[in-house]
Amino acid sequence: MNRRKKAVGNICLAAVLVFGLTGCGDRNPLDPGNPVSLTVWHYYNGSQQTAFDALVEEFNDTVGRERGIYVQGYSQGSVSDLESAVRDAIGGKVGLAGFIARKYVTQAARFREEDLRRALTDCVETEEAVKTGRMNDVMSVELLIVKYSAASMQGTAAGAEKR
């Protein structure tokens, strides 16, 4: 039973990480008078970095200036250095230590996006049911555990419903 609670917790946390980190952002049009600044981390070095920097500069001087977008590129070193920097940044964004974020990113990669969305929706709906008094907190967690334990026994990553 404890293993199942941990699995459901991992699914919910992975879903929160995946969907909490997708940028909903402001839907307003860009304003050239007030440019948006974007930072692009990459693993290019040497001639690749020089070529990339030239492309960024060309973009900033043309399309970026027209539309109000300013791009800055930063080499993080090797591919593995870039991967570590990204995962550490994800952890910092959600208030987790980098090593915890790396573990949850690895865990989340085992699930399909639709399964994570379904799990997140179920968790949010369950939280709402508890907060509005429609469901007891202990029972709500137990129902999630049963639902997702049954789903994993049926061979789906998350969500008991077959589509």
Protein backbone atom coordinates (compact mmCIF):
# COMPACT_ATOMS: atom_id res chain seq x y z
CA MET A 1 0.00 0.00 0.00
CA ASN A 2 2.86 2.41 0.85
CA ARG A 3 4.39 1.71 -2.57
CA ARG A 4 1.10 2.61 -4.23
CA LYS A 5 0.90 5.91 -2.33
CA LYS A 6 4.41 6.72 -3.49
CA ALA A 7 3.51 5.86 -7.10
CA VAL A 8 0.42 8.10 -7.03
CA GLY A 9 2.46 10.85 -5.40
CA ASN A 10 5.09 10.54 -8.13
CA ILE A 11 2.42 10.68 -10.84
CA CYS A 12 0.80 13.78 -9.35
CA LEU A 13 4.11 15.54 -8.78
CA ALA A 14 5.34 14.67 -12.26
CA ALA A 15 2.11 16.05 -13.72
CA VAL A 16 2.46 19.25 -11.71
CA LEU A 17 6.06 19.64 -12.86
CA VAL A 18 5.25 19.00 -16.49
CA PHE A 19 2.21 21.24 -16.70
CA GLY A 20 3.30 23.81 -14.17
CA LEU A 21 6.40 24.48 -16.18
CA THR A 22 4.71 24.92 -19.52
CA GLY A 23 4.48 28.63 -20.18
CA CYS A 24 0.92 29.79 -20.35
CA GLY A 25 2.23 33.32 -20.53
CA ASP A 26 0.58 36.53 -21.53
CA ARG A 27 -1.49 36.21 -24.70
CA ASN A 28 -1.03 39.91 -25.62
CA PRO A 29 0.75 40.74 -28.87
CA LEU A 30 4.43 41.58 -28.70
CA ASP A 31 5.42 45.24 -28.40
CA PRO A 32 8.58 46.42 -30.21
CA GLY A 33 8.75 49.37 -27.79
CA ASN A 34 8.95 46.98 -24.85
CA PRO A 35 10.85 43.91 -26.10
CA VAL A 36 10.63 40.51 -24.49
CA SER A 37 14.00 39.04 -23.59
CA LEU A 38 14.59 35.33 -24.18
CA THR A 39 17.57 33.38 -22.95
CA VAL A 40 18.60 30.33 -24.97
CA TRP A 41 20.97 27.87 -23.37
CA HIS A 42 22.85 25.63 -25.76
CA TYR A 43 25.80 23.26 -25.91
CA TYR A 44 27.55 24.81 -28.93
CA ASN A 45 31.25 25.58 -28.75
CA GLY A 46 33.88 26.76 -31.22
CA SER A 47 32.66 27.30 -34.79
CA GLN A 48 29.14 26.09 -33.97
CA GLN A 49 28.85 28.69 -31.22
CA THR A 50 30.18 31.40 -33.54
CA ALA A 51 27.60 30.45 -36.20
CA PHE A 52 24.80 30.31 -33.61
CA ASP A 53 25.76 33.69 -32.15
CA ALA A 54 25.71 35.17 -35.67
CA LEU A 55 22.20 33.80 -36.25
CA VAL A 56 21.01 35.20 -32.93
CA GLU A 57 22.51 38.59 -33.76
CA GLU A 58 20.87 38.57 -37.20
CA PHE A 59 17.51 37.66 -35.63
CA ASN A 60 17.81 40.42 -33.01
CA ASP A 61 18.65 42.99 -35.71
CA THR A 62 15.75 42.01 -38.00
CA VAL A 63 12.70 39.99 -36.92
CA GLY A 64 13.43 40.46 -33.23
CA ARG A 65 13.60 44.24 -33.54
CA GLU A 66 10.40 44.30 -35.66
CA ARG A 67 8.39 42.17 -33.27
CA GLY A 68 9.90 43.12 -29.92
CA ILE A 69 11.95 40.02 -29.12
CA TYR A 70 15.54 40.05 -27.88
CA VAL A 71 17.41 36.72 -27.73
CA GLN A 72 20.56 36.00 -25.73
CA GLY A 73 22.44 32.74 -26.23
CA TYR A 74 24.59 31.12 -23.55
CA SER A 75 26.72 28.01 -23.97
CA GLN A 76 26.40 25.63 -21.04
CA GLY A 77 29.34 23.51 -22.18
CA SER A 78 28.63 19.90 -23.14
CA VAL A 79 25.26 18.24 -23.72
CA SER A 80 25.35 16.71 -20.24
CA ASP A 81 26.24 20.13 -18.73
CA LEU A 82 23.25 21.62 -20.54
CA GLU A 83 20.98 18.83 -19.33
CA SER A 84 22.12 19.33 -15.73
CA ALA A 85 21.67 23.11 -15.97
CA VAL A 86 18.13 22.73 -17.34
CA ARG A 87 17.09 20.25 -14.66
CA ASP A 88 18.63 22.38 -11.91
CA ALA A 89 16.75 25.40 -13.27
CA ILE A 90 13.49 23.43 -13.29
CA GLY A 91 14.07 22.51 -9.66
CA GLY A 92 14.78 26.12 -8.73
CA LYS A 93 11.65 27.34 -10.52
CA VAL A 94 9.38 25.07 -8.49
CA GLY A 95 11.39 25.30 -5.27
CA LEU A 96 12.97 21.83 -5.35
CA ALA A 97 16.58 20.84 -5.02
CA GLY A 98 18.12 20.09 -8.42
CA PHE A 99 18.62 16.40 -7.69
CA ILE A 100 14.92 16.02 -6.78
CA ALA A 101 13.83 17.74 -9.99
CA ARG A 102 16.15 15.47 -12.01
CA LYS A 103 14.55 12.38 -10.44
CA TYR A 104 11.01 13.61 -11.16
CA VAL A 105 11.86 14.57 -14.74
CA THR A 106 13.22 11.05 -15.24
CA GLN A 107 10.08 9.59 -13.65
CA ALA A 108 7.75 11.80 -15.75
CA ALA A 109 9.45 10.65 -18.95
CA ARG A 110 8.01 7.18 -18.35
CA PHE A 111 4.45 8.43 -18.82
CA ARG A 112 2.54 9.66 -21.86
CA GLU A 113 1.51 13.32 -21.81
CA GLU A 114 -2.19 12.43 -21.97
CA ASP A 115 -1.77 10.17 -18.92
CA LEU A 116 -0.07 12.96 -16.97
CA ARG A 117 -2.81 15.41 -17.96
CA ARG A 118 -5.47 12.95 -16.82
CA ALA A 119 -3.66 12.40 -13.50
CA LEU A 120 -3.29 16.13 -12.95
CA THR A 121 -6.97 16.68 -13.73
CA ASP A 122 -7.94 13.91 -11.31
CA CYS A 123 -5.72 15.39 -8.58
CA VAL A 124 -7.15 18.90 -9.08
CA GLU A 125 -10.74 17.61 -9.10
CA THR A 126 -10.04 15.57 -5.96
CA GLU A 127 -8.53 18.60 -4.21
CA GLU A 128 -11.58 20.67 -5.14
CA ALA A 129 -13.90 17.96 -3.81
CA VAL A 130 -12.04 17.96 -0.50
CA LYS A 131 -11.97 21.76 -0.21
CA THR A 132 -15.68 22.06 -0.97
CA GLY A 133 -16.56 19.36 1.55
CA ARG A 134 -17.89 16.87 -1.01
CA MET A 135 -15.23 14.33 -0.05
CA ASN A 136 -13.15 13.49 2.99
CA ASP A 137 -9.39 14.00 2.53
CA VAL A 138 -8.38 10.44 3.48
CA MET A 139 -11.01 8.88 1.25
CA SER A 140 -10.00 11.10 -1.67
CA VAL A 141 -6.39 9.94 -1.51
CA GLU A 142 -7.47 6.32 -1.14
CA LEU A 143 -9.69 6.61 -4.23
CA LEU A 144 -6.79 8.02 -6.24
CA ILE A 145 -4.56 5.20 -5.03
CA VAL A 146 -7.12 2.58 -5.99
CA LYS A 147 -7.76 4.18 -9.38
CA TYR A 148 -4.11 4.47 -10.35
CA SER A 149 -3.12 1.14 -8.82
CA ALA A 150 -5.82 -0.56 -10.87
CA ALA A 151 -4.62 1.32 -13.95
CA SER A 152 -1.02 0.17 -13.47
CA MET A 153 -2.22 -3.41 -12.98
CA GLN A 154 -4.07 -3.13 -16.32
CA GLY A 155 -0.87 -1.98 -18.01
CA THR A 156 -1.62 1.72 -18.49
CA ALA A 157 0.72 4.34 -17.08
CA ALA A 158 -2.02 6.42 -15.47
CA GLY A 159 -5.79 6.55 -15.51
CA ALA A 160 -8.01 3.51 -15.28
CA GLU A 161 -10.14 4.42 -18.28
CA LYS A 162 -9.35 2.68 -21.55
CA ARG A 163 -9.74 4.86 -24.62
